[in-house]
């Protein structure tokens, strides 16, 4: 019996292309100016200090910007980078530069699950701040009321079973009552190792009935036993 559903974002509820072609380029294009303009403000200053701690070196502002851009190029899931990207995306959302993409089937199913009494959570490598921004500014309006909580890399890496143990402990629910949705096999492997139920979203390919995790091509194909 499923009590709560934890879902990934990129490739699962939302298009990978939205993140790849809209969010990441926007953050990259605006990163240097944003850091220079806000480096004395406490939230940004703290994140810049975290960058220095990450590389174990005191860096100038320009060297921090270079380090952040290097992490972007390497697709490194560095927490200070993800948090800073969230702040930059906030400016973009508020200015109306873009809206958060969400698949229609995901939006409708999430609403239905919430109405049925299931607790919904997000677990993404993007910061909690960035997660909330996306769901607050979707083409379907503000969907943040659907979610009971959000997890990012502060809880642990998504390919590590311990992270899912931590989530289960925080939710105070047995792992077998938790369902994790993702498009990444290694994440699903980690969740399964922690005792979670799992479903693999394969939006760009036909589901393989022989796959280690149940595969579906959309949220419409997900049936939850409550």
N, C-alpha and C. Protein backbone atom coordinates (compact mmCIF):
# COMPACT_ATOMS: atom_id res chain seq x y z
N UNK A 1 0.84 -1.20 0.00
CA UNK A 1 0.00 0.00 0.00
C UNK A 1 0.88 1.25 0.00
N UNK A 2 0.70 2.09 -0.99
CA UNK A 2 1.50 3.31 -1.12
C UNK A 2 0.89 4.44 -0.29
N UNK A 3 1.74 5.06 0.53
CA UNK A 3 1.30 6.19 1.35
C UNK A 3 1.80 7.52 0.81
N UNK A 4 2.93 7.49 0.10
CA UNK A 4 3.51 8.73 -0.41
C UNK A 4 4.27 8.44 -1.71
N UNK A 5 4.28 9.43 -2.59
CA UNK A 5 5.00 9.32 -3.85
C UNK A 5 6.07 10.40 -3.89
N UNK A 6 7.28 9.97 -4.22
CA UNK A 6 8.41 10.90 -4.36
C UNK A 6 8.81 10.87 -5.83
N UNK A 7 8.80 12.02 -6.47
CA UNK A 7 9.11 12.04 -7.90
C UNK A 7 10.30 12.93 -8.23
N UNK A 8 11.06 12.46 -9.19
CA UNK A 8 12.11 13.25 -9.81
C UNK A 8 11.44 14.31 -10.70
N UNK A 9 12.21 15.28 -11.18
CA UNK A 9 11.66 16.31 -12.07
C UNK A 9 12.11 16.08 -13.51
N UNK A 10 13.39 16.30 -13.78
CA UNK A 10 13.90 16.31 -15.15
C UNK A 10 13.74 14.95 -15.82
N UNK A 11 12.99 14.91 -16.91
CA UNK A 11 12.75 13.67 -17.63
C UNK A 11 11.60 12.86 -17.06
N UNK A 12 11.05 13.31 -15.94
CA UNK A 12 9.98 12.57 -15.27
C UNK A 12 8.68 13.39 -15.27
N UNK A 13 8.67 14.49 -14.53
CA UNK A 13 7.51 15.38 -14.59
C UNK A 13 7.68 16.45 -15.66
N UNK A 14 8.92 16.73 -16.00
CA UNK A 14 9.23 17.86 -16.88
C UNK A 14 10.22 17.44 -17.96
N UNK A 15 10.19 18.14 -19.07
CA UNK A 15 11.06 17.81 -20.19
C UNK A 15 12.53 18.09 -19.87
N UNK A 16 13.38 17.16 -20.24
CA UNK A 16 14.82 17.37 -20.11
C UNK A 16 15.23 18.60 -20.91
N UNK A 17 14.57 18.82 -22.04
CA UNK A 17 14.92 19.94 -22.91
C UNK A 17 14.64 21.28 -22.24
N UNK A 18 13.63 21.35 -21.36
CA UNK A 18 13.36 22.60 -20.66
C UNK A 18 14.55 22.97 -19.78
N UNK A 19 15.05 21.99 -19.07
CA UNK A 19 16.22 22.24 -18.22
C UNK A 19 17.45 22.51 -19.07
N UNK A 20 17.65 21.68 -20.10
CA UNK A 20 18.85 21.76 -20.93
C UNK A 20 18.86 23.01 -21.81
N UNK A 21 17.73 23.32 -22.42
CA UNK A 21 17.69 24.37 -23.43
C UNK A 21 17.20 25.72 -22.92
N UNK A 22 16.57 25.73 -21.73
CA UNK A 22 16.05 26.99 -21.19
C UNK A 22 16.75 27.37 -19.89
N UNK A 23 16.61 26.52 -18.87
CA UNK A 23 17.10 26.89 -17.54
C UNK A 23 18.63 26.99 -17.48
N UNK A 24 19.32 25.96 -17.92
CA UNK A 24 20.78 25.98 -17.81
C UNK A 24 21.42 27.11 -18.61
N UNK A 25 21.02 27.30 -19.88
CA UNK A 25 21.61 28.42 -20.63
C UNK A 25 21.29 29.78 -20.00
N UNK A 26 20.10 29.93 -19.45
CA UNK A 26 19.73 31.20 -18.81
C UNK A 26 20.63 31.46 -17.61
N UNK A 27 20.83 30.43 -16.78
CA UNK A 27 21.69 30.59 -15.60
C UNK A 27 23.12 30.89 -16.02
N UNK A 28 23.61 30.19 -17.04
CA UNK A 28 24.99 30.41 -17.50
C UNK A 28 25.16 31.84 -18.02
N UNK A 29 24.20 32.30 -18.80
CA UNK A 29 24.31 33.63 -19.41
C UNK A 29 24.24 34.75 -18.38
N UNK A 30 23.56 34.50 -17.27
CA UNK A 30 23.34 35.55 -16.28
C UNK A 30 24.18 35.39 -15.01
N UNK A 31 24.94 34.29 -14.92
CA UNK A 31 25.66 33.97 -13.68
C UNK A 31 26.65 35.06 -13.28
N UNK A 32 27.52 35.46 -14.18
CA UNK A 32 28.58 36.41 -13.83
C UNK A 32 28.00 37.74 -13.34
N UNK A 33 27.05 38.29 -14.10
CA UNK A 33 26.45 39.56 -13.71
C UNK A 33 25.70 39.44 -12.40
N UNK A 34 25.02 38.30 -12.20
CA UNK A 34 24.24 38.11 -10.97
C UNK A 34 25.18 38.07 -9.76
N UNK A 35 26.26 37.30 -9.86
CA UNK A 35 27.21 37.20 -8.75
C UNK A 35 27.81 38.57 -8.43
N UNK A 36 28.26 39.28 -9.45
CA UNK A 36 28.87 40.59 -9.23
C UNK A 36 27.90 41.58 -8.61
N UNK A 37 26.62 41.47 -8.98
CA UNK A 37 25.61 42.42 -8.49
C UNK A 37 25.11 42.10 -7.09
N UNK A 38 25.23 40.82 -6.68
CA UNK A 38 24.63 40.40 -5.41
C UNK A 38 25.63 39.80 -4.43
N UNK A 39 26.94 39.88 -4.71
CA UNK A 39 27.91 39.16 -3.90
C UNK A 39 27.95 39.60 -2.44
N UNK A 40 27.49 40.81 -2.13
CA UNK A 40 27.50 41.29 -0.75
C UNK A 40 26.22 40.96 0.00
N UNK A 41 25.24 40.42 -0.70
CA UNK A 41 23.98 40.03 -0.05
C UNK A 41 24.17 38.67 0.61
N UNK A 42 23.64 38.52 1.81
CA UNK A 42 23.95 37.35 2.64
C UNK A 42 23.72 36.01 1.95
N UNK A 43 22.56 35.77 1.32
CA UNK A 43 22.38 34.43 0.71
C UNK A 43 23.44 34.12 -0.34
N UNK A 44 23.77 35.10 -1.17
CA UNK A 44 24.77 34.88 -2.22
C UNK A 44 26.16 34.78 -1.61
N UNK A 45 26.46 35.65 -0.67
CA UNK A 45 27.77 35.62 -0.01
C UNK A 45 28.03 34.25 0.63
N UNK A 46 27.01 33.69 1.26
CA UNK A 46 27.14 32.37 1.88
C UNK A 46 27.45 31.31 0.83
N UNK A 47 26.77 31.38 -0.31
CA UNK A 47 27.01 30.40 -1.37
C UNK A 47 28.40 30.54 -1.97
N UNK A 48 28.88 31.78 -2.10
CA UNK A 48 30.23 31.98 -2.62
C UNK A 48 31.27 31.45 -1.64
N UNK A 49 30.99 31.60 -0.35
CA UNK A 49 31.87 31.02 0.67
C UNK A 49 31.87 29.49 0.57
N UNK A 50 30.70 28.94 0.26
CA UNK A 50 30.59 27.48 0.12
C UNK A 50 31.39 26.97 -1.07
N UNK A 51 31.47 27.78 -2.13
CA UNK A 51 32.29 27.40 -3.29
C UNK A 51 33.75 27.28 -2.86
N UNK A 52 34.22 28.27 -2.09
CA UNK A 52 35.60 28.25 -1.61
C UNK A 52 35.86 27.03 -0.73
N UNK A 53 34.90 26.69 0.12
CA UNK A 53 35.05 25.51 0.97
C UNK A 53 35.10 24.24 0.13
N UNK A 54 34.31 24.21 -0.93
CA UNK A 54 34.24 23.03 -1.80
C UNK A 54 35.59 22.74 -2.45
N UNK A 55 36.31 23.81 -2.81
CA UNK A 55 37.60 23.63 -3.48
C UNK A 55 38.78 23.84 -2.53
N UNK A 56 38.45 24.05 -1.24
CA UNK A 56 39.48 24.23 -0.20
C UNK A 56 40.47 25.33 -0.54
N UNK A 57 39.93 26.47 -1.00
CA UNK A 57 40.79 27.58 -1.37
C UNK A 57 40.02 28.89 -1.32
N UNK A 58 40.70 29.96 -0.90
CA UNK A 58 40.07 31.28 -0.91
C UNK A 58 40.19 31.87 -2.32
N UNK A 59 39.05 32.07 -2.95
CA UNK A 59 39.03 32.54 -4.32
C UNK A 59 38.48 33.96 -4.42
N UNK A 60 38.96 34.70 -5.40
CA UNK A 60 38.40 36.01 -5.69
C UNK A 60 37.04 35.82 -6.36
N UNK A 61 36.28 36.89 -6.46
CA UNK A 61 34.96 36.80 -7.09
C UNK A 61 35.07 36.27 -8.51
N UNK A 62 36.04 36.78 -9.27
CA UNK A 62 36.19 36.35 -10.65
C UNK A 62 36.60 34.88 -10.74
N UNK A 63 37.42 34.44 -9.81
CA UNK A 63 37.81 33.02 -9.81
C UNK A 63 36.64 32.13 -9.37
N UNK A 64 35.79 32.64 -8.49
CA UNK A 64 34.59 31.89 -8.10
C UNK A 64 33.67 31.73 -9.31
N UNK A 65 33.50 32.81 -10.07
CA UNK A 65 32.67 32.75 -11.27
C UNK A 65 33.24 31.73 -12.25
N UNK A 66 34.57 31.73 -12.42
CA UNK A 66 35.21 30.77 -13.31
C UNK A 66 34.99 29.33 -12.82
N UNK A 67 35.08 29.14 -11.48
CA UNK A 67 34.86 27.81 -10.91
C UNK A 67 33.43 27.34 -11.14
N UNK A 68 32.48 28.25 -10.93
CA UNK A 68 31.06 27.91 -11.15
C UNK A 68 30.81 27.53 -12.60
N UNK A 69 31.40 28.28 -13.52
CA UNK A 69 31.24 27.96 -14.95
C UNK A 69 31.90 26.63 -15.29
N UNK A 70 33.01 26.33 -14.64
CA UNK A 70 33.65 25.03 -14.87
C UNK A 70 32.74 23.90 -14.40
N UNK A 71 32.11 24.09 -13.24
CA UNK A 71 31.18 23.07 -12.74
C UNK A 71 30.00 22.89 -13.69
N UNK A 72 29.53 24.00 -14.26
CA UNK A 72 28.44 23.91 -15.23
C UNK A 72 28.89 23.07 -16.43
N UNK A 73 30.08 23.35 -16.93
CA UNK A 73 30.61 22.61 -18.08
C UNK A 73 30.78 21.13 -17.77
N UNK A 74 31.11 20.82 -16.53
CA UNK A 74 31.33 19.43 -16.11
C UNK A 74 30.03 18.75 -15.68
N UNK A 75 28.93 19.54 -15.65
CA UNK A 75 27.64 19.05 -15.15
C UNK A 75 27.79 18.50 -13.74
N UNK A 76 28.58 19.19 -12.94
CA UNK A 76 28.83 18.78 -11.55
C UNK A 76 27.65 19.19 -10.68
N UNK A 77 27.16 18.27 -9.86
CA UNK A 77 26.01 18.53 -9.00
C UNK A 77 26.47 19.18 -7.70
N UNK A 78 27.19 20.28 -7.81
CA UNK A 78 27.69 20.98 -6.63
C UNK A 78 26.56 21.78 -5.99
N UNK A 79 26.34 21.56 -4.70
CA UNK A 79 25.21 22.20 -4.01
C UNK A 79 25.23 23.72 -4.10
N UNK A 80 26.37 24.41 -3.88
CA UNK A 80 26.34 25.87 -4.00
C UNK A 80 25.99 26.34 -5.40
N UNK A 81 26.41 25.61 -6.43
CA UNK A 81 26.05 25.96 -7.80
C UNK A 81 24.55 25.80 -8.00
N UNK A 82 24.00 24.69 -7.56
CA UNK A 82 22.57 24.45 -7.73
C UNK A 82 21.76 25.53 -7.02
N UNK A 83 22.19 25.90 -5.82
CA UNK A 83 21.47 26.93 -5.06
C UNK A 83 21.55 28.29 -5.76
N UNK A 84 22.71 28.60 -6.30
CA UNK A 84 22.88 29.87 -7.00
C UNK A 84 22.06 29.90 -8.28
N UNK A 85 22.03 28.78 -9.01
CA UNK A 85 21.19 28.70 -10.19
C UNK A 85 19.73 28.97 -9.83
N UNK A 86 19.31 28.47 -8.68
CA UNK A 86 17.93 28.70 -8.24
C UNK A 86 17.62 30.17 -8.07
N UNK A 87 18.56 30.91 -7.51
CA UNK A 87 18.35 32.35 -7.32
C UNK A 87 18.26 33.06 -8.67
N UNK A 88 19.09 32.66 -9.62
CA UNK A 88 19.07 33.27 -10.95
C UNK A 88 17.76 32.93 -11.66
N UNK A 89 17.32 31.68 -11.53
CA UNK A 89 16.06 31.30 -12.16
C UNK A 89 14.88 32.04 -11.56
N UNK A 90 14.95 32.32 -10.26
CA UNK A 90 13.87 33.07 -9.63
C UNK A 90 13.67 34.41 -10.34
N UNK A 91 14.77 35.08 -10.61
CA UNK A 91 14.69 36.36 -11.31
C UNK A 91 14.03 36.18 -12.67
N UNK A 92 14.39 35.10 -13.37
CA UNK A 92 13.82 34.84 -14.68
C UNK A 92 12.33 34.56 -14.63
N UNK A 93 11.92 33.72 -13.65
CA UNK A 93 10.49 33.43 -13.49
C UNK A 93 9.71 34.70 -13.18
N UNK A 94 10.21 35.49 -12.25
CA UNK A 94 9.49 36.68 -11.80
C UNK A 94 9.41 37.72 -12.91
N UNK A 95 10.42 37.75 -13.77
CA UNK A 95 10.42 38.69 -14.89
C UNK A 95 9.60 38.18 -16.08
N UNK A 96 9.10 36.94 -15.95
CA UNK A 96 8.31 36.36 -17.03
C UNK A 96 9.12 35.93 -18.23
N UNK A 97 10.42 35.68 -18.02
CA UNK A 97 11.28 35.26 -19.12
C UNK A 97 10.94 33.84 -19.60
N UNK A 98 10.34 33.03 -18.71
CA UNK A 98 9.92 31.67 -19.07
C UNK A 98 8.97 31.15 -17.99
N UNK A 99 8.29 30.03 -18.29
CA UNK A 99 7.45 29.33 -17.31
C UNK A 99 8.01 27.93 -17.11
N UNK A 100 7.72 27.34 -15.95
CA UNK A 100 8.19 25.99 -15.69
C UNK A 100 7.43 24.98 -16.53
N UNK A 101 8.16 24.14 -17.27
CA UNK A 101 7.50 23.13 -18.10
C UNK A 101 7.05 21.94 -17.26
N UNK A 102 5.85 21.45 -17.57
CA UNK A 102 5.33 20.26 -16.91
C UNK A 102 4.53 19.48 -17.94
N UNK A 103 4.76 18.17 -18.01
CA UNK A 103 3.95 17.34 -18.90
C UNK A 103 2.50 17.36 -18.43
N UNK A 104 1.56 17.40 -19.37
CA UNK A 104 0.14 17.43 -19.02
C UNK A 104 -0.25 16.23 -18.18
N UNK A 105 0.23 15.03 -18.57
CA UNK A 105 -0.13 13.82 -17.81
C UNK A 105 0.37 13.88 -16.38
N UNK A 106 1.57 14.49 -16.18
CA UNK A 106 2.12 14.61 -14.83
C UNK A 106 1.28 15.58 -14.00
N UNK A 107 0.94 16.73 -14.57
CA UNK A 107 0.15 17.72 -13.84
C UNK A 107 -1.19 17.14 -13.42
N UNK A 108 -1.87 16.46 -14.33
CA UNK A 108 -3.20 15.92 -14.02
C UNK A 108 -3.13 14.78 -13.00
N UNK A 109 -2.12 13.91 -13.14
CA UNK A 109 -2.02 12.77 -12.22
C UNK A 109 -1.62 13.23 -10.82
N UNK A 110 -0.71 14.21 -10.74
CA UNK A 110 -0.32 14.73 -9.43
C UNK A 110 -1.52 15.33 -8.70
N UNK A 111 -2.36 16.05 -9.43
CA UNK A 111 -3.58 16.61 -8.83
C UNK A 111 -4.51 15.50 -8.36
N UNK A 112 -4.64 14.45 -9.17
CA UNK A 112 -5.53 13.33 -8.81
C UNK A 112 -5.01 12.60 -7.58
N UNK A 113 -3.70 12.36 -7.54
CA UNK A 113 -3.13 11.68 -6.36
C UNK A 113 -3.32 12.49 -5.10
N UNK A 114 -3.13 13.79 -5.21
CA UNK A 114 -3.32 14.66 -4.05
C UNK A 114 -4.77 14.61 -3.58
N UNK A 115 -5.69 14.66 -4.52
CA UNK A 115 -7.11 14.61 -4.17
C UNK A 115 -7.49 13.28 -3.53
N UNK A 116 -6.75 12.21 -3.90
CA UNK A 116 -7.02 10.88 -3.35
C UNK A 116 -6.39 10.69 -1.97
N UNK A 117 -5.66 11.69 -1.49
CA UNK A 117 -5.10 11.62 -0.14
C UNK A 117 -3.65 11.18 -0.05
N UNK A 118 -2.99 11.03 -1.20
CA UNK A 118 -1.57 10.66 -1.17
C UNK A 118 -0.71 11.88 -0.90
N UNK A 119 0.35 11.69 -0.13
CA UNK A 119 1.32 12.77 0.08
C UNK A 119 2.32 12.73 -1.06
N UNK A 120 2.64 13.91 -1.58
CA UNK A 120 3.55 14.02 -2.72
C UNK A 120 4.80 14.79 -2.34
N UNK A 121 5.94 14.31 -2.84
CA UNK A 121 7.23 14.94 -2.55
C UNK A 121 8.06 15.00 -3.83
N UNK A 122 8.98 15.94 -3.87
CA UNK A 122 9.93 16.05 -4.97
C UNK A 122 11.32 15.71 -4.45
N UNK A 123 12.08 14.97 -5.26
CA UNK A 123 13.49 14.71 -4.97
C UNK A 123 14.26 14.94 -6.26
N UNK A 124 15.04 16.00 -6.30
CA UNK A 124 15.76 16.38 -7.50
C UNK A 124 17.16 16.86 -7.14
N UNK A 125 18.08 16.76 -8.08
CA UNK A 125 19.43 17.29 -7.86
C UNK A 125 19.42 18.81 -7.86
N UNK A 126 18.42 19.42 -8.50
CA UNK A 126 18.25 20.87 -8.40
C UNK A 126 17.85 21.25 -6.99
N UNK A 127 18.22 22.44 -6.56
CA UNK A 127 17.94 22.87 -5.19
C UNK A 127 16.45 22.89 -4.90
N UNK A 128 16.09 22.75 -3.62
CA UNK A 128 14.69 22.86 -3.20
C UNK A 128 14.11 24.19 -3.67
N UNK A 129 14.91 25.22 -3.58
CA UNK A 129 14.48 26.55 -4.01
C UNK A 129 14.09 26.52 -5.49
N UNK A 130 14.94 25.91 -6.33
CA UNK A 130 14.66 25.83 -7.76
C UNK A 130 13.44 24.96 -8.04
N UNK A 131 13.28 23.90 -7.27
CA UNK A 131 12.11 23.02 -7.42
C UNK A 131 10.82 23.80 -7.18
N UNK A 132 10.79 24.55 -6.09
CA UNK A 132 9.59 25.32 -5.75
C UNK A 132 9.29 26.38 -6.81
N UNK A 133 10.34 26.99 -7.33
CA UNK A 133 10.16 27.99 -8.37
C UNK A 133 9.50 27.39 -9.61
N UNK A 134 9.99 26.22 -10.04
CA UNK A 134 9.44 25.59 -11.23
C UNK A 134 7.95 25.30 -11.04
N UNK A 135 7.60 24.68 -9.91
CA UNK A 135 6.21 24.29 -9.71
C UNK A 135 5.29 25.47 -9.36
N UNK A 136 5.88 26.56 -8.94
CA UNK A 136 5.08 27.76 -8.65
C UNK A 136 4.77 28.56 -9.91
N UNK A 137 5.50 28.29 -11.00
CA UNK A 137 5.35 29.09 -12.22
C UNK A 137 5.14 28.20 -13.44
N UNK A 138 4.26 27.21 -13.34
CA UNK A 138 4.02 26.31 -14.47
C UNK A 138 2.95 26.87 -15.40
N UNK A 139 2.81 26.22 -16.54
CA UNK A 139 1.74 26.57 -17.48
C UNK A 139 0.37 26.26 -16.90
N UNK A 140 0.33 25.49 -15.79
CA UNK A 140 -0.93 25.11 -15.14
C UNK A 140 -1.15 25.89 -13.85
N UNK A 141 -0.37 26.94 -13.66
CA UNK A 141 -0.48 27.76 -12.46
C UNK A 141 0.46 27.29 -11.36
N UNK A 142 0.20 27.75 -10.16
CA UNK A 142 1.03 27.42 -9.00
C UNK A 142 0.62 26.05 -8.46
N UNK A 143 1.50 25.06 -8.61
CA UNK A 143 1.20 23.70 -8.16
C UNK A 143 1.90 23.34 -6.85
N UNK A 144 2.56 24.30 -6.23
CA UNK A 144 3.26 23.98 -4.98
C UNK A 144 2.34 23.47 -3.87
N UNK A 145 1.04 23.87 -3.83
CA UNK A 145 0.18 23.31 -2.78
C UNK A 145 -0.01 21.80 -2.86
N UNK A 146 0.36 21.20 -3.99
CA UNK A 146 0.22 19.74 -4.13
C UNK A 146 1.25 18.98 -3.29
N UNK A 147 2.36 19.63 -2.97
CA UNK A 147 3.49 18.91 -2.38
C UNK A 147 3.63 19.14 -0.88
N UNK A 148 3.95 18.04 -0.21
CA UNK A 148 4.15 18.08 1.25
C UNK A 148 5.60 18.37 1.62
N UNK A 149 6.51 18.28 0.64
CA UNK A 149 7.91 18.55 0.94
C UNK A 149 8.80 18.35 -0.27
N UNK A 150 10.05 18.77 -0.13
CA UNK A 150 11.01 18.73 -1.22
C UNK A 150 12.36 18.26 -0.68
N UNK A 151 13.08 17.50 -1.53
CA UNK A 151 14.42 17.03 -1.16
C UNK A 151 15.39 17.35 -2.29
N UNK A 152 16.61 17.72 -1.93
CA UNK A 152 17.67 17.93 -2.92
C UNK A 152 18.93 17.21 -2.44
N UNK A 153 20.08 17.61 -2.95
CA UNK A 153 21.30 16.88 -2.61
C UNK A 153 21.75 17.08 -1.17
N UNK A 154 21.08 17.96 -0.41
CA UNK A 154 21.39 18.06 1.01
C UNK A 154 21.03 16.76 1.73
N UNK A 155 20.06 16.02 1.21
CA UNK A 155 19.67 14.75 1.84
C UNK A 155 20.60 13.63 1.41
N UNK A 156 21.40 13.87 0.33
CA UNK A 156 22.32 12.88 -0.19
C UNK A 156 22.19 12.75 -1.70
N UNK A 157 23.14 12.09 -2.32
CA UNK A 157 23.13 11.89 -3.76
C UNK A 157 22.01 10.97 -4.19
N UNK A 158 21.46 11.20 -5.37
CA UNK A 158 20.29 10.45 -5.82
C UNK A 158 20.61 9.01 -6.23
N UNK A 159 21.89 8.71 -6.40
CA UNK A 159 22.27 7.34 -6.77
C UNK A 159 22.81 6.57 -5.57
N UNK A 160 22.55 7.08 -4.36
CA UNK A 160 23.03 6.45 -3.13
C UNK A 160 21.84 5.96 -2.30
N UNK A 161 21.85 4.68 -1.95
CA UNK A 161 20.73 4.10 -1.19
C UNK A 161 20.50 4.82 0.14
N UNK A 162 21.58 5.30 0.75
CA UNK A 162 21.46 5.99 2.04
C UNK A 162 20.56 7.21 1.94
N UNK A 163 20.55 7.87 0.80
CA UNK A 163 19.70 9.04 0.62
C UNK A 163 18.22 8.68 0.78
N UNK A 164 17.85 7.53 0.26
CA UNK A 164 16.46 7.09 0.34
C UNK A 164 16.13 6.60 1.74
N UNK A 165 17.12 6.03 2.41
CA UNK A 165 16.94 5.71 3.83
C UNK A 165 16.66 7.00 4.62
N UNK A 166 17.41 8.05 4.29
CA UNK A 166 17.22 9.33 4.97
C UNK A 166 15.84 9.91 4.71
N UNK A 167 15.37 9.79 3.48
CA UNK A 167 14.03 10.29 3.14
C UNK A 167 12.96 9.52 3.90
N UNK A 168 13.07 8.20 3.91
CA UNK A 168 12.09 7.38 4.63
C UNK A 168 12.06 7.74 6.11
N UNK A 169 13.26 7.95 6.67
CA UNK A 169 13.33 8.33 8.09
C UNK A 169 12.68 9.69 8.33
N UNK A 170 12.92 10.62 7.43
CA UNK A 170 12.35 11.96 7.59
C UNK A 170 10.83 11.94 7.44
N UNK A 171 10.32 11.07 6.57
CA UNK A 171 8.87 10.98 6.37
C UNK A 171 8.22 10.10 7.42
N UNK A 172 9.02 9.37 8.17
CA UNK A 172 8.52 8.47 9.23
C UNK A 172 7.54 7.45 8.66
N UNK A 173 7.91 6.90 7.50
CA UNK A 173 7.09 5.87 6.86
C UNK A 173 7.99 4.70 6.46
N UNK A 174 7.44 3.48 6.48
CA UNK A 174 8.23 2.33 6.01
C UNK A 174 8.56 2.50 4.54
N UNK A 175 9.74 2.08 4.16
CA UNK A 175 10.19 2.27 2.78
C UNK A 175 9.25 1.62 1.77
N UNK A 176 8.66 0.46 2.12
CA UNK A 176 7.82 -0.24 1.15
C UNK A 176 6.51 0.50 0.88
N UNK A 177 6.20 1.52 1.67
CA UNK A 177 5.01 2.33 1.44
C UNK A 177 5.32 3.60 0.64
N UNK A 178 6.54 3.69 0.14
CA UNK A 178 6.98 4.85 -0.62
C UNK A 178 7.26 4.45 -2.07
N UNK A 179 6.77 5.25 -3.00
CA UNK A 179 6.98 5.01 -4.42
C UNK A 179 7.86 6.12 -4.99
N UNK A 180 8.94 5.73 -5.65
CA UNK A 180 9.84 6.70 -6.27
C UNK A 180 9.73 6.61 -7.78
N UNK A 181 9.58 7.77 -8.42
CA UNK A 181 9.46 7.86 -9.87
C UNK A 181 10.68 8.58 -10.44
N UNK A 182 11.30 7.99 -11.46
CA UNK A 182 12.47 8.61 -12.06
C UNK A 182 12.66 8.07 -13.48
N UNK A 183 13.49 8.77 -14.24
CA UNK A 183 13.86 8.29 -15.58
C UNK A 183 15.28 7.74 -15.60
N UNK A 184 15.92 7.68 -14.42
CA UNK A 184 17.32 7.25 -14.33
C UNK A 184 17.42 5.92 -13.59
N UNK A 185 17.94 4.89 -14.26
CA UNK A 185 18.01 3.55 -13.67
C UNK A 185 18.81 3.53 -12.37
N UNK A 186 19.96 4.22 -12.34
CA UNK A 186 20.81 4.18 -11.15
C UNK A 186 20.11 4.78 -9.93
N UNK A 187 19.29 5.79 -10.15
CA UNK A 187 18.51 6.36 -9.04
C UNK A 187 17.47 5.35 -8.55
N UNK A 188 16.81 4.70 -9.49
CA UNK A 188 15.80 3.70 -9.14
C UNK A 188 16.44 2.51 -8.44
N UNK A 189 17.64 2.12 -8.88
CA UNK A 189 18.37 1.03 -8.21
C UNK A 189 18.62 1.37 -6.75
N UNK A 190 19.05 2.61 -6.51
CA UNK A 190 19.35 3.04 -5.13
C UNK A 190 18.09 3.06 -4.29
N UNK A 191 17.00 3.55 -4.86
CA UNK A 191 15.74 3.59 -4.12
C UNK A 191 15.24 2.18 -3.81
N UNK A 192 15.36 1.29 -4.78
CA UNK A 192 14.93 -0.10 -4.59
C UNK A 192 15.77 -0.78 -3.51
N UNK A 193 17.07 -0.48 -3.51
CA UNK A 193 17.96 -1.06 -2.50
C UNK A 193 17.56 -0.62 -1.10
N UNK A 194 16.96 0.56 -1.00
CA UNK A 194 16.50 1.07 0.30
C UNK A 194 15.10 0.57 0.65
N UNK A 195 14.49 -0.21 -0.25
CA UNK A 195 13.19 -0.80 0.03
C UNK A 195 12.01 -0.06 -0.59
N UNK A 196 12.27 1.00 -1.35
CA UNK A 196 11.20 1.74 -2.00
C UNK A 196 10.59 0.92 -3.14
N UNK A 197 9.35 1.19 -3.46
CA UNK A 197 8.78 0.75 -4.72
C UNK A 197 9.22 1.75 -5.79
N UNK A 198 9.36 1.29 -7.01
CA UNK A 198 9.93 2.15 -8.05
C UNK A 198 9.17 2.03 -9.36
N UNK A 199 9.14 3.12 -10.11
CA UNK A 199 8.61 3.11 -11.48
C UNK A 199 9.53 3.96 -12.34
N UNK A 200 9.85 3.43 -13.50
CA UNK A 200 10.81 4.03 -14.43
C UNK A 200 10.05 4.71 -15.57
N UNK A 201 10.17 6.03 -15.68
CA UNK A 201 9.55 6.78 -16.77
C UNK A 201 10.45 6.71 -18.00
N UNK A 202 9.90 6.22 -19.10
CA UNK A 202 10.65 6.11 -20.36
C UNK A 202 9.89 6.88 -21.44
N UNK A 203 9.87 8.17 -21.32
CA UNK A 203 9.03 8.99 -22.19
C UNK A 203 9.45 8.93 -23.65
N UNK A 204 10.72 8.73 -23.93
CA UNK A 204 11.22 8.77 -25.30
C UNK A 204 11.42 7.40 -25.92
N UNK A 205 11.00 6.36 -25.22
CA UNK A 205 11.14 5.01 -25.77
C UNK A 205 10.02 4.12 -25.23
N UNK A 206 9.76 3.05 -25.92
CA UNK A 206 8.71 2.12 -25.49
C UNK A 206 9.14 1.38 -24.23
N UNK A 207 8.22 1.20 -23.28
CA UNK A 207 8.56 0.46 -22.06
C UNK A 207 9.02 -0.97 -22.37
N UNK A 208 9.99 -1.43 -21.59
CA UNK A 208 10.52 -2.78 -21.72
C UNK A 208 9.96 -3.63 -20.58
N UNK A 209 9.09 -4.59 -20.87
CA UNK A 209 8.48 -5.40 -19.80
C UNK A 209 9.49 -6.26 -19.05
N UNK A 210 10.71 -6.40 -19.61
CA UNK A 210 11.73 -7.22 -18.95
C UNK A 210 12.67 -6.38 -18.08
N UNK A 211 12.45 -5.08 -18.04
CA UNK A 211 13.33 -4.19 -17.27
C UNK A 211 13.24 -4.50 -15.78
N UNK A 212 14.30 -4.17 -15.08
CA UNK A 212 14.37 -4.46 -13.64
C UNK A 212 13.32 -3.68 -12.85
N UNK A 213 12.99 -2.49 -13.33
CA UNK A 213 11.95 -1.67 -12.70
C UNK A 213 10.77 -1.57 -13.66
N UNK A 214 9.56 -1.51 -13.13
CA UNK A 214 8.39 -1.32 -13.99
C UNK A 214 8.57 -0.05 -14.81
N UNK A 215 8.37 -0.15 -16.11
CA UNK A 215 8.52 1.01 -16.98
C UNK A 215 7.16 1.47 -17.52
N UNK A 216 7.00 2.79 -17.61
CA UNK A 216 5.81 3.40 -18.19
C UNK A 216 6.27 4.58 -19.04
N UNK A 217 5.45 4.94 -20.03
CA UNK A 217 5.82 6.07 -20.89
C UNK A 217 5.18 7.38 -20.46
N UNK A 218 4.24 7.30 -19.50
CA UNK A 218 3.62 8.53 -18.98
C UNK A 218 2.99 8.24 -17.63
N UNK A 219 2.62 9.30 -16.92
CA UNK A 219 1.97 9.15 -15.62
C UNK A 219 0.61 8.47 -15.77
N UNK A 220 -0.01 8.57 -16.94
CA UNK A 220 -1.33 7.96 -17.15
C UNK A 220 -1.29 6.45 -16.96
N UNK A 221 -0.12 5.85 -17.12
CA UNK A 221 0.01 4.39 -17.03
C UNK A 221 0.33 3.91 -15.61
N UNK A 222 0.45 4.86 -14.68
CA UNK A 222 0.80 4.50 -13.30
C UNK A 222 -0.46 4.24 -12.48
N UNK A 223 -0.54 3.06 -11.91
CA UNK A 223 -1.65 2.71 -11.03
C UNK A 223 -1.09 2.53 -9.62
N UNK A 224 -1.66 3.26 -8.67
CA UNK A 224 -1.15 3.23 -7.31
C UNK A 224 -2.12 2.49 -6.40
N UNK A 225 -1.59 1.47 -5.71
CA UNK A 225 -2.39 0.69 -4.74
C UNK A 225 -2.37 1.40 -3.40
N UNK A 226 -3.54 1.94 -3.01
CA UNK A 226 -3.62 2.66 -1.72
C UNK A 226 -4.27 1.80 -0.65
